[in-house]
Amino acid sequence: MLITALTNKLIPKENAQFIQEHYLPELEKSVSGITLTADEKVDLVKKFAGMLMKIAYAFLFQEYFIPLPFLYGDTVLGYAAEFMPTWNSWAVKLSGYVQTDDDVKNGTNLYPGQAQCKTHSPHALWHEESANGLLEIALVGDTVHRLTKPKN
């Protein structure tokens, strides 16, 4: 199972064991009575994938979380900063969650010093993109709630 492999790889053993032996079995019981249509399942997968695109992009630049030093030089950071609005627009097309703030869409005027920081600091890119992804996490959570709450 993918979750087992990911938990074993990404988190401490005792936490992975808790997730695998306690959390996931309880989660499975709690969602066993939920039924979704094929369209709802496809929509949820697309929304989740769009959110993951933003979170994955953020983690590329999360202070050497990914041990690839070439990611953190000015040239790559410059390209990554320039490409981020395009990447986010692809994620939005996939998820369907529309961003209504033009500055967020374009990645401009978001914080003081942005023009200098985001092309020279992975930390700045991390913050900008993780904020974008955090909003998507909340929206996905809201969608899951809407789809799984008891229907009257």
C-alpha atoms as a PDB file:
ATOM      1  CA  MET A   1       0.000   0.000   0.000  1.00  0.00           C
ATOM      2  CA  LEU A   2       1.251   3.466  -0.895  1.00  0.00           C
ATOM      3  CA  ILE A   3       0.535   4.960   2.534  1.00  0.00           C
ATOM      4  CA  THR A   4       2.539   2.225   4.260  1.00  0.00           C
ATOM      5  CA  ALA A   5       5.520   2.833   1.982  1.00  0.00           C
ATOM      6  CA  LEU A   6       5.312   6.611   2.420  1.00  0.00           C
ATOM      7  CA  THR A   7       4.966   6.499   6.200  1.00  0.00           C
ATOM      8  CA  ASN A   8       7.875   4.065   6.470  1.00  0.00           C
ATOM      9  CA  LYS A   9      10.026   6.359   4.320  1.00  0.00           C
ATOM     10  CA  LEU A  10       9.041   9.816   5.552  1.00  0.00           C
ATOM     11  CA  ILE A  11       8.316   9.672   9.278  1.00  0.00           C
ATOM     12  CA  PRO A  12       9.818   8.085  12.406  1.00  0.00           C
ATOM     13  CA  LYS A  13       9.126   4.390  12.872  1.00  0.00           C
ATOM     14  CA  GLU A  14       6.886   4.761  15.947  1.00  0.00           C
ATOM     15  CA  ASN A  15       4.694   7.315  14.163  1.00  0.00           C
ATOM     16  CA  ALA A  16       4.500   5.159  11.044  1.00  0.00           C
ATOM     17  CA  GLN A  17       3.527   2.194  13.174  1.00  0.00           C
ATOM     18  CA  PHE A  18       0.759   4.213  14.877  1.00  0.00           C
ATOM     19  CA  ILE A  19      -0.618   5.338  11.522  1.00  0.00           C
ATOM     20  CA  GLN A  20      -0.523   1.841  10.056  1.00  0.00           C
ATOM     21  CA  GLU A  21      -1.804  -0.125  13.055  1.00  0.00           C
ATOM     22  CA  HIS A  22      -4.223   2.297  14.714  1.00  0.00           C
ATOM     23  CA  TYR A  23      -5.139   5.333  12.643  1.00  0.00           C
ATOM     24  CA  LEU A  24      -5.759   3.712   9.245  1.00  0.00           C
ATOM     25  CA  PRO A  25      -7.922   0.846  10.591  1.00  0.00           C
ATOM     26  CA  GLU A  26     -10.079   3.377  12.492  1.00  0.00           C
ATOM     27  CA  LEU A  27     -10.282   5.615   9.442  1.00  0.00           C
ATOM     28  CA  GLU A  28     -11.362   2.663   7.318  1.00  0.00           C
ATOM     29  CA  LYS A  29     -14.162   1.853   9.775  1.00  0.00           C
ATOM     30  CA  SER A  30     -15.331   5.452   9.900  1.00  0.00           C
ATOM     31  CA  VAL A  31     -15.606   5.833   6.114  1.00  0.00           C
ATOM     32  CA  SER A  32     -16.957   2.361   5.346  1.00  0.00           C
ATOM     33  CA  GLY A  33     -20.540   3.624   5.033  1.00  0.00           C
ATOM     34  CA  ILE A  34     -19.736   6.504   2.700  1.00  0.00           C
ATOM     35  CA  THR A  35     -20.613   6.119  -0.943  1.00  0.00           C
ATOM     36  CA  LEU A  36     -19.638   8.505  -3.697  1.00  0.00           C
ATOM     37  CA  THR A  37     -20.682   8.581  -7.318  1.00  0.00           C
ATOM     38  CA  ALA A  38     -18.051   8.046 -10.002  1.00  0.00           C
ATOM     39  CA  ASP A  39     -18.194  11.766 -10.837  1.00  0.00           C
ATOM     40  CA  GLU A  40     -17.685  12.708  -7.180  1.00  0.00           C
ATOM     41  CA  LYS A  41     -14.691  10.381  -6.938  1.00  0.00           C
ATOM     42  CA  VAL A  42     -13.104  11.825 -10.078  1.00  0.00           C
ATOM     43  CA  ASP A  43     -13.727  15.372  -8.859  1.00  0.00           C
ATOM     44  CA  LEU A  44     -12.204  14.608  -5.450  1.00  0.00           C
ATOM     45  CA  VAL A  45      -9.127  12.992  -7.000  1.00  0.00           C
ATOM     46  CA  LYS A  46      -8.627  16.025  -9.261  1.00  0.00           C
ATOM     47  CA  LYS A  47      -8.972  18.436  -6.360  1.00  0.00           C
ATOM     48  CA  PHE A  48      -6.549  16.403  -4.246  1.00  0.00           C
ATOM     49  CA  ALA A  49      -4.051  16.185  -7.139  1.00  0.00           C
ATOM     50  CA  GLY A  50      -4.188  19.961  -7.711  1.00  0.00           C
ATOM     51  CA  MET A  51      -3.510  20.526  -4.022  1.00  0.00           C
ATOM     52  CA  LEU A  52      -0.628  18.042  -4.066  1.00  0.00           C
ATOM     53  CA  MET A  53       0.919  19.855  -7.032  1.00  0.00           C
ATOM     54  CA  LYS A  54       1.191  23.038  -4.965  1.00  0.00           C
ATOM     55  CA  ILE A  55       2.435  21.272  -1.835  1.00  0.00           C
ATOM     56  CA  ALA A  56       5.033  19.285  -3.817  1.00  0.00           C
ATOM     57  CA  TYR A  57       6.302  22.469  -5.498  1.00  0.00           C
ATOM     58  CA  ALA A  58       6.596  24.126  -2.099  1.00  0.00           C
ATOM     59  CA  PHE A  59       8.578  21.206  -0.692  1.00  0.00           C
ATOM     60  CA  LEU A  60      11.098  21.467  -3.523  1.00  0.00           C
ATOM     61  CA  PHE A  61      12.270  24.667  -1.881  1.00  0.00           C
ATOM     62  CA  GLN A  62      11.733  23.899   1.814  1.00  0.00           C
ATOM     63  CA  GLU A  63      15.237  24.518   3.126  1.00  0.00           C
ATOM     64  CA  TYR A  64      17.030  21.570   1.641  1.00  0.00           C
ATOM     65  CA  PHE A  65      14.227  19.084   2.421  1.00  0.00           C
ATOM     66  CA  ILE A  66      15.134  17.551  -0.929  1.00  0.00           C
ATOM     67  CA  PRO A  67      18.928  17.110  -0.909  1.00  0.00           C
ATOM     68  CA  LEU A  68      19.593  18.443  -4.413  1.00  0.00           C
ATOM     69  CA  PRO A  69      21.875  21.475  -3.991  1.00  0.00           C
ATOM     70  CA  PHE A  70      21.367  22.680  -7.577  1.00  0.00           C
ATOM     71  CA  LEU A  71      17.770  23.578  -6.641  1.00  0.00           C
ATOM     72  CA  TYR A  72      18.938  26.326  -4.317  1.00  0.00           C
ATOM     73  CA  GLY A  73      21.114  28.443  -6.602  1.00  0.00           C
ATOM     74  CA  ASP A  74      20.016  31.806  -7.944  1.00  0.00           C
ATOM     75  CA  THR A  75      19.525  30.555 -11.516  1.00  0.00           C
ATOM     76  CA  VAL A  76      17.152  27.712 -10.617  1.00  0.00           C
ATOM     77  CA  LEU A  77      15.377  29.840  -8.020  1.00  0.00           C
ATOM     78  CA  GLY A  78      14.841  32.540 -10.633  1.00  0.00           C
ATOM     79  CA  TYR A  79      13.313  30.069 -13.071  1.00  0.00           C
ATOM     80  CA  ALA A  80      11.261  28.444 -10.309  1.00  0.00           C
ATOM     81  CA  ALA A  81       9.884  31.817  -9.199  1.00  0.00           C
ATOM     82  CA  GLU A  82       9.015  32.726 -12.773  1.00  0.00           C
ATOM     83  CA  PHE A  83       7.398  29.325 -13.400  1.00  0.00           C
ATOM     84  CA  MET A  84       5.365  29.220 -10.169  1.00  0.00           C
ATOM     85  CA  PRO A  85       2.306  31.130 -11.534  1.00  0.00           C
ATOM     86  CA  THR A  86       2.157  28.756 -14.515  1.00  0.00           C
ATOM     87  CA  TRP A  87       2.457  25.714 -12.253  1.00  0.00           C
ATOM     88  CA  ASN A  88      -0.280  27.086 -10.009  1.00  0.00           C
ATOM     89  CA  SER A  89      -2.556  27.784 -12.971  1.00  0.00           C
ATOM     90  CA  TRP A  90      -2.171  24.128 -14.020  1.00  0.00           C
ATOM     91  CA  ALA A  91      -3.046  23.041 -10.474  1.00  0.00           C
ATOM     92  CA  VAL A  92      -6.108  25.318 -10.506  1.00  0.00           C
ATOM     93  CA  LYS A  93      -7.244  23.902 -13.854  1.00  0.00           C
ATOM     94  CA  LEU A  94      -6.983  20.421 -12.385  1.00  0.00           C
ATOM     95  CA  SER A  95      -8.605  21.144  -9.017  1.00  0.00           C
ATOM     96  CA  GLY A  96     -11.201  23.634 -10.152  1.00  0.00           C
ATOM     97  CA  TYR A  97     -10.537  25.829  -7.103  1.00  0.00           C
ATOM     98  CA  VAL A  98     -10.438  29.316  -8.574  1.00  0.00           C
ATOM     99  CA  GLN A  99      -8.004  31.843  -7.114  1.00  0.00           C
ATOM    100  CA  THR A 100      -9.700  35.243  -7.264  1.00  0.00           C
ATOM    101  CA  ASP A 101      -6.739  37.409  -6.201  1.00  0.00           C
ATOM    102  CA  ASP A 102      -4.736  38.507  -9.247  1.00  0.00           C
ATOM    103  CA  ASP A 103      -1.609  39.144  -7.157  1.00  0.00           C
ATOM    104  CA  VAL A 104      -1.683  35.574  -5.857  1.00  0.00           C
ATOM    105  CA  LYS A 105      -2.313  34.248  -9.387  1.00  0.00           C
ATOM    106  CA  ASN A 106       0.628  36.229 -10.760  1.00  0.00           C
ATOM    107  CA  GLY A 107       2.879  35.780  -7.737  1.00  0.00           C
ATOM    108  CA  THR A 108       3.369  39.540  -7.333  1.00  0.00           C
ATOM    109  CA  ASN A 109       2.971  42.110  -4.544  1.00  0.00           C
ATOM    110  CA  LEU A 110       2.561  39.431  -1.887  1.00  0.00           C
ATOM    111  CA  TYR A 111       5.150  40.586   0.659  1.00  0.00           C
ATOM    112  CA  PRO A 112       7.810  43.296   1.052  1.00  0.00           C
ATOM    113  CA  GLY A 113      11.025  42.472  -0.784  1.00  0.00           C
ATOM    114  CA  GLN A 114       9.412  39.710  -2.835  1.00  0.00           C
ATOM    115  CA  ALA A 115      11.146  40.649  -6.096  1.00  0.00           C
ATOM    116  CA  GLN A 116      14.571  40.132  -4.520  1.00  0.00           C
ATOM    117  CA  CYS A 117      13.810  37.363  -2.033  1.00  0.00           C
ATOM    118  CA  LYS A 118      12.000  34.796  -4.144  1.00  0.00           C
ATOM    119  CA  THR A 119      14.751  34.652  -6.755  1.00  0.00           C
ATOM    120  CA  HIS A 120      17.551  34.261  -4.191  1.00  0.00           C
ATOM    121  CA  SER A 121      15.967  32.434  -1.260  1.00  0.00           C
ATOM    122  CA  PRO A 122      14.381  28.995  -1.281  1.00  0.00           C
ATOM    123  CA  HIS A 123      12.739  30.013   1.998  1.00  0.00           C
ATOM    124  CA  ALA A 124      10.737  32.728   0.240  1.00  0.00           C
ATOM    125  CA  LEU A 125       9.551  30.348  -2.481  1.00  0.00           C
ATOM    126  CA  TRP A 126       8.658  27.794   0.180  1.00  0.00           C
ATOM    127  CA  HIS A 127       6.513  30.296   2.072  1.00  0.00           C
ATOM    128  CA  GLU A 128       4.754  31.633  -0.981  1.00  0.00           C
ATOM    129  CA  GLU A 129       3.884  28.242  -2.415  1.00  0.00           C
ATOM    130  CA  SER A 130       3.081  26.543   0.883  1.00  0.00           C
ATOM    131  CA  ALA A 131       0.603  29.349   1.631  1.00  0.00           C
ATOM    132  CA  ASN A 132      -1.003  28.658  -1.737  1.00  0.00           C
ATOM    133  CA  GLY A 133      -1.080  24.940  -0.938  1.00  0.00           C
ATOM    134  CA  LEU A 134      -2.433  25.487   2.563  1.00  0.00           C
ATOM    135  CA  LEU A 135      -5.479  27.207   1.122  1.00  0.00           C
ATOM    136  CA  GLU A 136      -5.972  24.218  -1.187  1.00  0.00           C
ATOM    137  CA  ILE A 137      -5.714  21.821   1.781  1.00  0.00           C
ATOM    138  CA  ALA A 138      -8.540  23.716   3.471  1.00  0.00           C
ATOM    139  CA  LEU A 139     -10.613  23.655   0.290  1.00  0.00           C
ATOM    140  CA  VAL A 140     -10.057  19.915  -0.186  1.00  0.00           C
ATOM    141  CA  GLY A 141     -11.048  19.375   3.452  1.00  0.00           C
ATOM    142  CA  ASP A 142     -14.224  21.360   2.868  1.00  0.00           C
ATOM    143  CA  THR A 143     -14.978  19.294  -0.236  1.00  0.00           C
ATOM    144  CA  VAL A 144     -14.432  16.034   1.645  1.00  0.00           C
ATOM    145  CA  HIS A 145     -16.757  17.261   4.384  1.00  0.00           C
ATOM    146  CA  ARG A 146     -19.422  18.224   1.851  1.00  0.00           C
ATOM    147  CA  LEU A 147     -19.202  14.849   0.107  1.00  0.00           C
ATOM    148  CA  THR A 148     -19.123  12.730   3.238  1.00  0.00           C
ATOM    149  CA  LYS A 149     -21.614  14.397   5.568  1.00  0.00           C
ATOM    150  CA  PRO A 150     -24.927  12.572   5.924  1.00  0.00           C
ATOM    151  CA  LYS A 151     -27.377  13.496   3.237  1.00  0.00           C
ATOM    152  CA  ASN A 152     -30.856  14.420   4.452  1.00  0.00           C
END
